Amino acid sequence: MKILLIFLFLFLVYIPSYTVIDLSRDNKFIKISVDGEVRRREVLEVPVYSTVETILGLVELNETADLTSISRFTVLKDGDTLVIPAKVEMKKISINHSSKNELMQLPGIGDSTADKIIEYRQEHGYFQQLDDLKNVKGIGESKFNKLIDVICL
């Protein structure tokens, strides 16, 4: 009997206490600031667990807004700032006038291929059309298709 009383006493002493949390008083909204390529920078009050997609539906974007790098399903939290980036247009590189370093900025063009382009220019003169670039050893149809949008004469 003493063992039972001791066990009961120890059990009551070591029972973890529980705290009841009243969720009805918690804030059901969060504040998000929106900046970057939007018509008007603002702070929005949106429901908890709102996503970037929700915010994009509430703001008016500039024509220069670039949404390709934004994950639309990201859940935002109170105090977050959503920055909408601008589109960056890549300057085209002239295959007739660019230096070796400039040519090496092109996708798939390394040291050796840049040298071959310059060598081709010196031997044959300026490229007359973009397709002439395929005459350079090491630039086939596949590599040319990767370059077509970022080169000019």
Protein backbone atom coordinates (compact mmCIF):
# COMPACT_ATOMS: atom_id res chain seq x y z
CA MET A 1 0.00 0.00 0.00
CA LYS A 2 2.87 2.35 0.82
CA ILE A 3 4.38 1.62 -2.58
CA LEU A 4 1.12 2.56 -4.27
CA LEU A 5 0.93 5.84 -2.35
CA ILE A 6 4.55 6.66 -3.18
CA PHE A 7 3.93 5.89 -6.85
CA LEU A 8 0.77 8.04 -6.86
CA PHE A 9 2.63 10.90 -5.17
CA LEU A 10 5.53 10.72 -7.65
CA PHE A 11 3.12 10.53 -10.55
CA LEU A 12 1.27 13.66 -9.42
CA VAL A 13 4.52 15.56 -8.84
CA TYR A 14 5.97 14.71 -12.25
CA ILE A 15 2.84 15.19 -14.37
CA PRO A 16 3.76 17.77 -17.00
CA SER A 17 1.68 20.89 -16.89
CA TYR A 18 -0.17 21.93 -20.00
CA THR A 19 -0.89 25.47 -21.02
CA VAL A 20 -3.98 26.17 -23.03
CA ILE A 21 -3.37 28.60 -25.88
CA ASP A 22 -6.31 30.66 -26.99
CA LEU A 23 -5.88 30.85 -30.77
CA SER A 24 -8.98 32.96 -31.22
CA ARG A 25 -7.08 36.02 -29.95
CA ASP A 26 -4.12 35.54 -32.31
CA ASN A 27 -3.74 37.91 -35.24
CA LYS A 28 -5.32 36.49 -38.39
CA PHE A 29 -3.52 38.97 -40.67
CA ILE A 30 0.08 39.81 -41.49
CA LYS A 31 1.66 42.91 -43.00
CA ILE A 32 3.70 42.57 -46.18
CA SER A 33 5.58 45.37 -47.90
CA VAL A 34 5.77 45.35 -51.69
CA ASP A 35 8.60 47.15 -53.49
CA GLY A 36 10.42 47.15 -56.81
CA GLU A 37 8.66 47.09 -60.17
CA VAL A 38 5.16 47.96 -58.92
CA ARG A 39 3.08 51.03 -59.78
CA ARG A 40 2.86 51.96 -56.11
CA ARG A 41 5.02 50.77 -53.20
CA GLU A 42 2.77 49.81 -50.34
CA VAL A 43 2.23 47.79 -47.19
CA LEU A 44 -0.57 45.25 -47.49
CA GLU A 45 -2.48 43.52 -44.74
CA VAL A 46 -3.23 39.98 -45.93
CA PRO A 47 -4.42 36.76 -44.29
CA VAL A 48 -1.88 34.55 -42.52
CA TYR A 49 -0.31 31.96 -44.87
CA SER A 50 -0.74 34.18 -47.94
CA THR A 51 1.54 33.33 -50.85
CA VAL A 52 3.46 35.48 -53.31
CA GLU A 53 0.75 34.60 -55.84
CA THR A 54 -1.85 36.23 -53.57
CA ILE A 55 0.21 39.41 -53.31
CA LEU A 56 0.76 39.57 -57.08
CA GLY A 57 -3.01 39.57 -57.51
CA LEU A 58 -3.31 42.63 -55.24
CA VAL A 59 -0.68 44.91 -56.79
CA GLU A 60 -0.32 46.52 -60.18
CA LEU A 61 3.00 45.64 -61.81
CA ASN A 62 5.09 47.83 -64.09
CA GLU A 63 5.68 46.63 -67.65
CA THR A 64 9.33 46.10 -66.73
CA ALA A 65 8.52 43.60 -63.95
CA ASP A 66 10.28 40.25 -64.28
CA LEU A 67 8.47 37.42 -62.48
CA THR A 68 10.61 34.59 -63.84
CA SER A 69 12.81 34.37 -60.73
CA ILE A 70 9.98 34.60 -58.21
CA SER A 71 8.54 31.47 -56.62
CA ARG A 72 4.81 32.13 -56.61
CA PHE A 73 4.02 29.48 -53.98
CA THR A 74 6.29 30.88 -51.26
CA VAL A 75 4.30 31.47 -48.06
CA LEU A 76 4.98 34.90 -46.59
CA LYS A 77 5.26 35.82 -42.94
CA ASP A 78 4.58 39.01 -41.03
CA GLY A 79 7.08 41.73 -41.89
CA ASP A 80 8.31 40.22 -45.16
CA THR A 81 9.15 42.48 -48.09
CA LEU A 82 8.39 41.24 -51.59
CA VAL A 83 10.71 42.93 -54.11
CA ILE A 84 9.67 42.58 -57.75
CA PRO A 85 12.81 42.69 -59.93
CA ALA A 86 13.11 44.50 -63.26
CA LYS A 87 13.81 42.81 -66.57
CA VAL A 88 17.42 43.15 -67.56
CA GLU A 89 18.09 43.27 -71.24
CA MET A 90 21.40 41.77 -72.24
CA LYS A 91 23.41 43.95 -74.56
CA LYS A 92 24.13 42.16 -77.83
CA ILE A 93 27.76 41.49 -78.62
CA SER A 94 29.11 42.29 -82.07
CA ILE A 95 30.87 39.35 -83.68
CA ASN A 96 32.59 41.81 -86.04
CA HIS A 97 33.93 44.33 -83.52
CA SER A 98 34.19 42.64 -80.12
CA SER A 99 37.45 41.91 -78.36
CA LYS A 100 38.41 38.46 -77.19
CA ASN A 101 37.20 39.22 -73.64
CA GLU A 102 33.84 40.44 -74.93
CA LEU A 103 33.41 37.34 -77.11
CA MET A 104 34.19 35.13 -74.11
CA GLN A 105 31.11 36.58 -72.35
CA LEU A 106 28.92 34.77 -74.86
CA PRO A 107 27.40 31.47 -73.70
CA GLY A 108 29.57 28.53 -74.70
CA ILE A 109 32.42 30.68 -76.05
CA GLY A 110 35.69 30.10 -74.26
CA ASP A 111 39.25 31.21 -74.82
CA SER A 112 39.91 28.93 -77.78
CA THR A 113 36.66 29.64 -79.64
CA ALA A 114 37.06 33.41 -79.15
CA ASP A 115 40.52 33.14 -80.72
CA LYS A 116 39.03 31.22 -83.67
CA ILE A 117 36.37 33.90 -84.24
CA ILE A 118 39.00 36.65 -84.28
CA GLU A 119 41.24 34.57 -86.54
CA TYR A 120 38.31 33.99 -88.93
CA ARG A 121 37.66 37.77 -89.04
CA GLN A 122 41.30 38.47 -89.85
CA GLU A 123 41.41 35.90 -92.65
CA HIS A 124 37.97 36.45 -94.23
CA GLY A 125 36.99 39.98 -93.18
CA TYR A 126 33.86 40.93 -91.30
CA PHE A 127 30.97 38.48 -91.03
CA GLN A 128 28.35 39.42 -93.64
CA GLN A 129 25.50 37.66 -91.86
CA LEU A 130 25.07 35.96 -88.50
CA ASP A 131 24.92 32.52 -90.12
CA ASP A 132 28.54 32.99 -91.24
CA LEU A 133 29.55 32.38 -87.64
CA LYS A 134 28.84 28.68 -88.26
CA ASN A 135 31.88 28.69 -90.58
CA VAL A 136 34.11 29.08 -87.52
CA LYS A 137 35.50 25.72 -86.42
CA GLY A 138 33.79 24.66 -83.18
CA ILE A 139 30.54 26.53 -83.77
CA GLY A 140 27.88 24.21 -85.03
CA GLU A 141 24.13 24.55 -85.31
CA SER A 142 23.53 23.83 -81.62
CA LYS A 143 26.01 26.40 -80.30
CA PHE A 144 24.88 28.93 -82.89
CA ASN A 145 21.25 28.59 -81.71
CA LYS A 146 22.37 29.46 -78.17
CA LEU A 147 24.13 32.57 -79.49
CA ILE A 148 21.61 33.93 -81.99
CA ASP A 149 19.72 36.09 -79.45
CA VAL A 150 22.82 37.68 -77.93
CA ILE A 151 24.95 38.49 -81.00
CA CYS A 152 24.86 41.07 -83.76
CA LEU A 153 27.09 42.07 -86.66
